[in-house]
Amino acid sequence: MYTTAGVELARVTVINSDLKTVYESLVRPEHKIIDYNTRFSGITRQQMRGVRTALRDVQAVLLSMFSERTILIGHSLESDFIALKVRLCSRRLNVRNYAQRWLELWPEINCSYIHTYKVARWCNG
């Protein structure tokens, strides 16, 4: 989502190892929205109406869900944590490189937008 301050986080989805959504939230950007980027985000102006969840609220929920024993898998996690404004010290595995090298499964993505749940589900198996 594009705002007067640049790109800001608009949605967060967390799934568990059973591919069940355990947390999902739209996030109210800190700055004025200038483009919903619906084609790629899947988020519309109507969906954002009334959203009161701030980034700090999402950070608090996520940090309470994760511990030093939590294994995080996802597409471009480093970018996700930058968007969340959260720093993690961890070992990282690039899922795309792993898939290309070992599994040869990286799909060609050809859709109007990619929902965070779909990406997380693909990364999880």
C-alpha atoms as a PDB file:
ATOM      1  CA  MET A   1       0.000   0.000   0.000  1.00  0.00           C
ATOM      2  CA  TYR A   2       1.409   3.372  -0.971  1.00  0.00           C
ATOM      3  CA  THR A   3       1.148   6.258   1.455  1.00  0.00           C
ATOM      4  CA  THR A   4       2.503   9.780   1.597  1.00  0.00           C
ATOM      5  CA  ALA A   5       5.546   8.278   3.379  1.00  0.00           C
ATOM      6  CA  GLY A   6       6.094   5.500   0.814  1.00  0.00           C
ATOM      7  CA  VAL A   7       5.177   1.814   1.038  1.00  0.00           C
ATOM      8  CA  GLU A   8       3.554   0.728   4.310  1.00  0.00           C
ATOM      9  CA  LEU A   9       2.325  -2.571   5.693  1.00  0.00           C
ATOM     10  CA  ALA A  10      -1.381  -3.236   5.192  1.00  0.00           C
ATOM     11  CA  ARG A  11      -1.969  -6.937   6.011  1.00  0.00           C
ATOM     12  CA  VAL A  12      -0.360  -9.598   8.184  1.00  0.00           C
ATOM     13  CA  THR A  13      -1.128 -13.329   8.066  1.00  0.00           C
ATOM     14  CA  VAL A  14       0.392 -16.069  10.221  1.00  0.00           C
ATOM     15  CA  ILE A  15      -0.351 -19.761   9.714  1.00  0.00           C
ATOM     16  CA  ASN A  16       0.712 -22.768  11.747  1.00  0.00           C
ATOM     17  CA  SER A  17       2.261 -26.035  10.619  1.00  0.00           C
ATOM     18  CA  ASP A  18      -1.246 -27.390   9.885  1.00  0.00           C
ATOM     19  CA  LEU A  19      -1.794 -24.500   7.440  1.00  0.00           C
ATOM     20  CA  LYS A  20      -4.456 -22.981   9.696  1.00  0.00           C
ATOM     21  CA  THR A  21      -4.584 -19.222   9.974  1.00  0.00           C
ATOM     22  CA  VAL A  22      -3.688 -18.346  13.563  1.00  0.00           C
ATOM     23  CA  TYR A  23      -3.532 -14.585  13.063  1.00  0.00           C
ATOM     24  CA  GLU A  24      -4.640 -12.263  10.320  1.00  0.00           C
ATOM     25  CA  SER A  25      -5.164  -8.555  10.425  1.00  0.00           C
ATOM     26  CA  LEU A  26      -5.440  -5.546   8.209  1.00  0.00           C
ATOM     27  CA  VAL A  27      -3.147  -2.775   9.447  1.00  0.00           C
ATOM     28  CA  ARG A  28      -3.921   0.927   9.399  1.00  0.00           C
ATOM     29  CA  PRO A  29      -0.949   2.741   7.844  1.00  0.00           C
ATOM     30  CA  GLU A  30       0.549   5.597   9.847  1.00  0.00           C
ATOM     31  CA  HIS A  31       0.312   7.981   6.890  1.00  0.00           C
ATOM     32  CA  LYS A  32      -2.381   8.949   4.393  1.00  0.00           C
ATOM     33  CA  ILE A  33      -3.053   6.255   1.773  1.00  0.00           C
ATOM     34  CA  ILE A  34      -2.554   7.443  -1.787  1.00  0.00           C
ATOM     35  CA  ASP A  35      -2.804   4.092  -3.630  1.00  0.00           C
ATOM     36  CA  TYR A  36      -4.274   0.836  -2.322  1.00  0.00           C
ATOM     37  CA  ASN A  37      -2.280  -1.113  -4.937  1.00  0.00           C
ATOM     38  CA  THR A  38      -5.297  -3.447  -5.077  1.00  0.00           C
ATOM     39  CA  ARG A  39      -4.016  -5.280  -8.132  1.00  0.00           C
ATOM     40  CA  PHE A  40      -1.177  -6.734  -6.050  1.00  0.00           C
ATOM     41  CA  SER A  41      -2.356  -6.330  -2.453  1.00  0.00           C
ATOM     42  CA  GLY A  42      -5.930  -7.471  -2.958  1.00  0.00           C
ATOM     43  CA  ILE A  43      -6.931  -4.760  -0.486  1.00  0.00           C
ATOM     44  CA  THR A  44      -9.594  -2.229  -1.374  1.00  0.00           C
ATOM     45  CA  ARG A  45     -10.599   1.122   0.068  1.00  0.00           C
ATOM     46  CA  GLN A  46     -13.790  -0.486   1.402  1.00  0.00           C
ATOM     47  CA  GLN A  47     -11.818  -3.149   3.283  1.00  0.00           C
ATOM     48  CA  MET A  48      -9.649  -0.503   4.939  1.00  0.00           C
ATOM     49  CA  ARG A  49     -12.613   1.555   6.142  1.00  0.00           C
ATOM     50  CA  GLY A  50     -12.836   1.300   9.890  1.00  0.00           C
ATOM     51  CA  VAL A  51      -9.497  -0.503  10.315  1.00  0.00           C
ATOM     52  CA  ARG A  52      -8.088   0.657  13.658  1.00  0.00           C
ATOM     53  CA  THR A  53      -5.283  -1.866  14.129  1.00  0.00           C
ATOM     54  CA  ALA A  54      -1.975  -0.014  14.218  1.00  0.00           C
ATOM     55  CA  LEU A  55       1.436  -1.469  13.457  1.00  0.00           C
ATOM     56  CA  ARG A  56       2.355  -1.416  17.160  1.00  0.00           C
ATOM     57  CA  ASP A  57      -0.729  -3.569  17.906  1.00  0.00           C
ATOM     58  CA  VAL A  58       0.370  -6.152  15.349  1.00  0.00           C
ATOM     59  CA  GLN A  59       3.950  -6.083  16.655  1.00  0.00           C
ATOM     60  CA  ALA A  60       2.720  -6.805  20.182  1.00  0.00           C
ATOM     61  CA  VAL A  61       0.606  -9.752  19.036  1.00  0.00           C
ATOM     62  CA  LEU A  62       3.361 -11.272  16.900  1.00  0.00           C
ATOM     63  CA  LEU A  63       6.051 -10.874  19.535  1.00  0.00           C
ATOM     64  CA  SER A  64       3.786 -12.599  22.065  1.00  0.00           C
ATOM     65  CA  MET A  65       3.220 -15.492  19.624  1.00  0.00           C
ATOM     66  CA  PHE A  66       6.878 -16.151  18.822  1.00  0.00           C
ATOM     67  CA  SER A  67       9.728 -17.340  21.032  1.00  0.00           C
ATOM     68  CA  GLU A  68      13.373 -18.247  20.464  1.00  0.00           C
ATOM     69  CA  ARG A  69      12.163 -21.769  19.612  1.00  0.00           C
ATOM     70  CA  THR A  70       9.702 -20.635  16.924  1.00  0.00           C
ATOM     71  CA  ILE A  71      10.562 -21.637  13.380  1.00  0.00           C
ATOM     72  CA  LEU A  72       9.513 -19.036  10.850  1.00  0.00           C
ATOM     73  CA  ILE A  73       9.123 -19.976   7.204  1.00  0.00           C
ATOM     74  CA  GLY A  74       8.028 -17.597   4.517  1.00  0.00           C
ATOM     75  CA  HIS A  75       8.731 -15.885   1.267  1.00  0.00           C
ATOM     76  CA  SER A  76      11.067 -12.918   1.764  1.00  0.00           C
ATOM     77  CA  LEU A  77      10.921 -12.920   5.576  1.00  0.00           C
ATOM     78  CA  GLU A  78      13.623 -10.275   5.793  1.00  0.00           C
ATOM     79  CA  SER A  79      11.407  -7.869   3.838  1.00  0.00           C
ATOM     80  CA  ASP A  80       8.435  -8.863   5.991  1.00  0.00           C
ATOM     81  CA  PHE A  81      10.299  -7.999   9.188  1.00  0.00           C
ATOM     82  CA  ILE A  82      11.459  -4.705   7.715  1.00  0.00           C
ATOM     83  CA  ALA A  83       7.811  -3.875   6.945  1.00  0.00           C
ATOM     84  CA  LEU A  84       6.848  -4.934  10.475  1.00  0.00           C
ATOM     85  CA  LYS A  85       9.731  -2.859  11.862  1.00  0.00           C
ATOM     86  CA  VAL A  86      10.873  -5.891  13.863  1.00  0.00           C
ATOM     87  CA  ARG A  87      14.480  -7.104  14.137  1.00  0.00           C
ATOM     88  CA  LEU A  88      15.185 -10.758  14.577  1.00  0.00           C
ATOM     89  CA  CYS A  89      18.503 -12.466  15.030  1.00  0.00           C
ATOM     90  CA  SER A  90      18.202 -15.843  13.411  1.00  0.00           C
ATOM     91  CA  ARG A  91      19.558 -18.267  10.893  1.00  0.00           C
ATOM     92  CA  ARG A  92      17.948 -17.669   7.559  1.00  0.00           C
ATOM     93  CA  LEU A  93      17.161 -19.981   4.704  1.00  0.00           C
ATOM     94  CA  ASN A  94      16.108 -18.453   1.434  1.00  0.00           C
ATOM     95  CA  VAL A  95      13.030 -20.504   0.498  1.00  0.00           C
ATOM     96  CA  ARG A  96      13.201 -19.667  -3.173  1.00  0.00           C
ATOM     97  CA  ASN A  97      16.843 -20.740  -3.480  1.00  0.00           C
ATOM     98  CA  TYR A  98      16.174 -23.861  -1.420  1.00  0.00           C
ATOM     99  CA  ALA A  99      13.220 -24.789  -3.592  1.00  0.00           C
ATOM    100  CA  GLN A 100      15.111 -24.187  -6.817  1.00  0.00           C
ATOM    101  CA  ARG A 101      18.179 -26.096  -5.691  1.00  0.00           C
ATOM    102  CA  TRP A 102      16.727 -29.037  -3.816  1.00  0.00           C
ATOM    103  CA  LEU A 103      13.083 -29.403  -4.642  1.00  0.00           C
ATOM    104  CA  GLU A 104      12.758 -27.731  -8.048  1.00  0.00           C
ATOM    105  CA  LEU A 105       9.275 -26.628  -7.053  1.00  0.00           C
ATOM    106  CA  TRP A 106       9.291 -22.822  -7.344  1.00  0.00           C
ATOM    107  CA  PRO A 107       6.046 -22.068  -9.187  1.00  0.00           C
ATOM    108  CA  GLU A 108       5.561 -19.499 -11.877  1.00  0.00           C
ATOM    109  CA  ILE A 109       3.222 -17.035 -10.238  1.00  0.00           C
ATOM    110  CA  ASN A 110       0.699 -15.608 -12.658  1.00  0.00           C
ATOM    111  CA  CYS A 111      -2.128 -13.947 -10.792  1.00  0.00           C
ATOM    112  CA  SER A 112      -3.477 -10.474 -10.174  1.00  0.00           C
ATOM    113  CA  TYR A 113      -2.336 -10.433  -6.541  1.00  0.00           C
ATOM    114  CA  ILE A 114      -0.756 -12.760  -4.058  1.00  0.00           C
ATOM    115  CA  HIS A 115      -2.552 -13.160  -0.737  1.00  0.00           C
ATOM    116  CA  THR A 116      -0.218 -13.544   2.236  1.00  0.00           C
ATOM    117  CA  TYR A 117      -1.945 -16.788   3.247  1.00  0.00           C
ATOM    118  CA  LYS A 118      -1.301 -18.311  -0.197  1.00  0.00           C
ATOM    119  CA  VAL A 119       2.401 -17.461  -0.025  1.00  0.00           C
ATOM    120  CA  ALA A 120       2.702 -18.791   3.511  1.00  0.00           C
ATOM    121  CA  ARG A 121       0.836 -21.965   2.583  1.00  0.00           C
ATOM    122  CA  TRP A 122       3.104 -22.606  -0.415  1.00  0.00           C
ATOM    123  CA  CYS A 123       6.212 -22.008   1.685  1.00  0.00           C
ATOM    124  CA  ASN A 124       4.937 -24.403   4.331  1.00  0.00           C
ATOM    125  CA  GLY A 125       4.463 -27.308   2.004  1.00  0.00           C
END
